[in-house]
């Protein structure tokens, strides 16, 4: 008898970009393109469209991290505005590129949990 994973475990697996059911198969075929099903356990992901949720969450997290840094750099008065932008803009781009697949995996995992049917 196979047990269903706990919701927390499934969400963590999604953050790791793994199948929320088995935790072994990859959730994405490429950078942000989800697979139709898990290659390991066969769990289907078709119809689990994360839409704009991951992008909004990523923007929120990156804003919380980058804006205080920009305020600190600006209030210190040590750096010219161009130098501050040379620090903040690449950092922002890197954080978005790093966090977007993680948040998309989290959202797909959450949608998978919500669409799961209880076994009788």
C-alpha atoms as a PDB file:
ATOM      1  CA  UNK A   1       0.000   0.000   0.000  1.00  0.00           C
ATOM      2  CA  UNK A   2       1.548   3.252  -1.157  1.00  0.00           C
ATOM      3  CA  UNK A   3       1.044   6.298   1.065  1.00  0.00           C
ATOM      4  CA  UNK A   4       0.409   9.765  -0.294  1.00  0.00           C
ATOM      5  CA  UNK A   5       3.078  12.325   0.598  1.00  0.00           C
ATOM      6  CA  UNK A   6       2.224  14.950   3.185  1.00  0.00           C
ATOM      7  CA  UNK A   7       1.325  18.433   1.905  1.00  0.00           C
ATOM      8  CA  UNK A   8       4.526  19.922   3.333  1.00  0.00           C
ATOM      9  CA  UNK A   9       6.652  17.249   1.702  1.00  0.00           C
ATOM     10  CA  UNK A  10       4.900  17.751  -1.638  1.00  0.00           C
ATOM     11  CA  UNK A  11       5.421  21.530  -1.511  1.00  0.00           C
ATOM     12  CA  UNK A  12       9.092  21.081  -0.616  1.00  0.00           C
ATOM     13  CA  UNK A  13       9.492  18.679  -3.543  1.00  0.00           C
ATOM     14  CA  UNK A  14       7.961  21.317  -5.802  1.00  0.00           C
ATOM     15  CA  UNK A  15      10.482  23.874  -4.528  1.00  0.00           C
ATOM     16  CA  UNK A  16      13.212  21.406  -5.470  1.00  0.00           C
ATOM     17  CA  UNK A  17      11.620  21.129  -8.951  1.00  0.00           C
ATOM     18  CA  UNK A  18      10.827  17.450  -8.417  1.00  0.00           C
ATOM     19  CA  UNK A  19       7.581  15.517  -8.787  1.00  0.00           C
ATOM     20  CA  UNK A  20       5.301  16.342  -5.827  1.00  0.00           C
ATOM     21  CA  UNK A  21       4.138  12.716  -5.694  1.00  0.00           C
ATOM     22  CA  UNK A  22       7.373  10.682  -5.737  1.00  0.00           C
ATOM     23  CA  UNK A  23      10.099  13.322  -5.339  1.00  0.00           C
ATOM     24  CA  UNK A  24      12.293  11.564  -7.906  1.00  0.00           C
ATOM     25  CA  UNK A  25      11.128  12.632 -11.369  1.00  0.00           C
ATOM     26  CA  UNK A  26      11.826  16.101 -12.712  1.00  0.00           C
ATOM     27  CA  UNK A  27       8.944  18.571 -12.747  1.00  0.00           C
ATOM     28  CA  UNK A  28      10.289  20.617 -15.679  1.00  0.00           C
ATOM     29  CA  UNK A  29      11.322  19.592 -19.188  1.00  0.00           C
ATOM     30  CA  UNK A  30      13.330  22.810 -19.550  1.00  0.00           C
ATOM     31  CA  UNK A  31      13.894  26.023 -17.577  1.00  0.00           C
ATOM     32  CA  UNK A  32      10.191  26.854 -17.030  1.00  0.00           C
ATOM     33  CA  UNK A  33       8.315  24.312 -19.180  1.00  0.00           C
ATOM     34  CA  UNK A  34       6.585  21.736 -16.987  1.00  0.00           C
ATOM     35  CA  UNK A  35       6.409  18.094 -18.040  1.00  0.00           C
ATOM     36  CA  UNK A  36       3.053  16.529 -18.856  1.00  0.00           C
ATOM     37  CA  UNK A  37       3.763  13.671 -16.454  1.00  0.00           C
ATOM     38  CA  UNK A  38       6.458  12.337 -14.161  1.00  0.00           C
ATOM     39  CA  UNK A  39       8.928  10.015 -15.888  1.00  0.00           C
ATOM     40  CA  UNK A  40       9.389   8.034 -12.655  1.00  0.00           C
ATOM     41  CA  UNK A  41       5.881   7.489 -11.223  1.00  0.00           C
ATOM     42  CA  UNK A  42       3.657   8.575 -14.136  1.00  0.00           C
ATOM     43  CA  UNK A  43       1.759  11.230 -12.143  1.00  0.00           C
ATOM     44  CA  UNK A  44       0.104  13.678 -14.555  1.00  0.00           C
ATOM     45  CA  UNK A  45       0.714  17.419 -14.445  1.00  0.00           C
ATOM     46  CA  UNK A  46      -1.421  18.371 -17.444  1.00  0.00           C
ATOM     47  CA  UNK A  47      -3.828  21.179 -16.617  1.00  0.00           C
ATOM     48  CA  UNK A  48      -1.798  22.451 -13.659  1.00  0.00           C
ATOM     49  CA  UNK A  49      -1.132  25.925 -15.030  1.00  0.00           C
ATOM     50  CA  UNK A  50       0.639  28.178 -12.544  1.00  0.00           C
ATOM     51  CA  UNK A  51      -0.121  31.270 -14.681  1.00  0.00           C
ATOM     52  CA  UNK A  52       1.139  34.529 -13.098  1.00  0.00           C
ATOM     53  CA  UNK A  53       1.378  33.409  -9.461  1.00  0.00           C
ATOM     54  CA  UNK A  54       5.070  32.436  -9.543  1.00  0.00           C
ATOM     55  CA  UNK A  55       6.032  35.692 -11.248  1.00  0.00           C
ATOM     56  CA  UNK A  56       4.207  37.790  -8.639  1.00  0.00           C
ATOM     57  CA  UNK A  57       5.723  35.827  -5.767  1.00  0.00           C
ATOM     58  CA  UNK A  58       9.187  36.193  -7.309  1.00  0.00           C
ATOM     59  CA  UNK A  59       8.723  39.948  -7.748  1.00  0.00           C
ATOM     60  CA  UNK A  60       7.638  40.244  -4.115  1.00  0.00           C
ATOM     61  CA  UNK A  61      10.587  38.280  -2.743  1.00  0.00           C
ATOM     62  CA  UNK A  62      13.141  40.048  -4.944  1.00  0.00           C
ATOM     63  CA  UNK A  63      11.694  43.434  -3.947  1.00  0.00           C
ATOM     64  CA  UNK A  64      11.983  42.564  -0.257  1.00  0.00           C
ATOM     65  CA  UNK A  65      15.636  41.611  -0.786  1.00  0.00           C
ATOM     66  CA  UNK A  66      16.814  44.311  -3.209  1.00  0.00           C
ATOM     67  CA  UNK A  67      15.035  47.505  -2.105  1.00  0.00           C
ATOM     68  CA  UNK A  68      16.613  47.586   1.387  1.00  0.00           C
ATOM     69  CA  UNK A  69      20.019  47.075  -0.222  1.00  0.00           C
ATOM     70  CA  UNK A  70      19.354  49.981  -2.558  1.00  0.00           C
ATOM     71  CA  UNK A  71      18.301  52.176   0.384  1.00  0.00           C
ATOM     72  CA  UNK A  72      21.469  51.248   2.286  1.00  0.00           C
ATOM     73  CA  UNK A  73      23.675  51.994  -0.716  1.00  0.00           C
ATOM     74  CA  UNK A  74      21.908  55.290  -1.398  1.00  0.00           C
ATOM     75  CA  UNK A  75      21.899  56.488   2.207  1.00  0.00           C
ATOM     76  CA  UNK A  76      25.580  55.712   2.708  1.00  0.00           C
ATOM     77  CA  UNK A  77      26.476  58.286   0.056  1.00  0.00           C
ATOM     78  CA  UNK A  78      29.681  56.418  -0.803  1.00  0.00           C
ATOM     79  CA  UNK A  79      28.749  55.339  -4.291  1.00  0.00           C
ATOM     80  CA  UNK A  80      27.658  57.154  -7.408  1.00  0.00           C
ATOM     81  CA  UNK A  81      24.237  56.280  -8.760  1.00  0.00           C
ATOM     82  CA  UNK A  82      25.805  54.426 -11.700  1.00  0.00           C
ATOM     83  CA  UNK A  83      27.803  52.192  -9.350  1.00  0.00           C
ATOM     84  CA  UNK A  84      24.682  51.445  -7.317  1.00  0.00           C
ATOM     85  CA  UNK A  85      22.869  50.435 -10.489  1.00  0.00           C
ATOM     86  CA  UNK A  86      25.813  48.239 -11.514  1.00  0.00           C
ATOM     87  CA  UNK A  87      25.312  46.396  -8.224  1.00  0.00           C
ATOM     88  CA  UNK A  88      21.514  46.327  -7.972  1.00  0.00           C
ATOM     89  CA  UNK A  89      20.456  45.588 -11.566  1.00  0.00           C
ATOM     90  CA  UNK A  90      22.561  42.415 -12.063  1.00  0.00           C
ATOM     91  CA  UNK A  91      21.605  41.240  -8.570  1.00  0.00           C
ATOM     92  CA  UNK A  92      17.918  41.723  -9.376  1.00  0.00           C
ATOM     93  CA  UNK A  93      18.201  39.845 -12.675  1.00  0.00           C
ATOM     94  CA  UNK A  94      20.132  36.993 -11.045  1.00  0.00           C
ATOM     95  CA  UNK A  95      17.615  36.658  -8.209  1.00  0.00           C
ATOM     96  CA  UNK A  96      14.667  36.598 -10.609  1.00  0.00           C
ATOM     97  CA  UNK A  97      16.308  33.946 -12.792  1.00  0.00           C
ATOM     98  CA  UNK A  98      17.170  31.884  -9.718  1.00  0.00           C
ATOM     99  CA  UNK A  99      13.823  32.157  -7.902  1.00  0.00           C
ATOM    100  CA  UNK A 100      11.331  31.903 -10.774  1.00  0.00           C
ATOM    101  CA  UNK A 101      11.734  28.141 -11.400  1.00  0.00           C
ATOM    102  CA  UNK A 102      11.571  27.487  -7.651  1.00  0.00           C
ATOM    103  CA  UNK A 103       8.354  29.443  -7.181  1.00  0.00           C
ATOM    104  CA  UNK A 104       6.828  27.879 -10.292  1.00  0.00           C
ATOM    105  CA  UNK A 105       7.628  24.414  -8.930  1.00  0.00           C
ATOM    106  CA  UNK A 106       6.056  25.411  -5.619  1.00  0.00           C
ATOM    107  CA  UNK A 107       2.893  26.664  -7.343  1.00  0.00           C
ATOM    108  CA  UNK A 108       2.567  23.561  -9.535  1.00  0.00           C
ATOM    109  CA  UNK A 109       2.996  21.394  -6.457  1.00  0.00           C
ATOM    110  CA  UNK A 110       0.314  23.395  -4.613  1.00  0.00           C
ATOM    111  CA  UNK A 111      -2.049  23.067  -7.577  1.00  0.00           C
ATOM    112  CA  UNK A 112      -1.331  19.329  -7.676  1.00  0.00           C
ATOM    113  CA  UNK A 113      -2.221  19.074  -3.982  1.00  0.00           C
ATOM    114  CA  UNK A 114      -5.469  20.987  -4.499  1.00  0.00           C
ATOM    115  CA  UNK A 115      -6.508  18.847  -7.475  1.00  0.00           C
ATOM    116  CA  UNK A 116      -5.740  15.511  -5.795  1.00  0.00           C
ATOM    117  CA  UNK A 117      -8.711  13.266  -5.169  1.00  0.00           C
ATOM    118  CA  UNK A 118      -8.910  11.361  -1.864  1.00  0.00           C
ATOM    119  CA  UNK A 119      -8.588   7.607  -2.313  1.00  0.00           C
ATOM    120  CA  UNK A 120     -11.536   5.555  -1.137  1.00  0.00           C
END
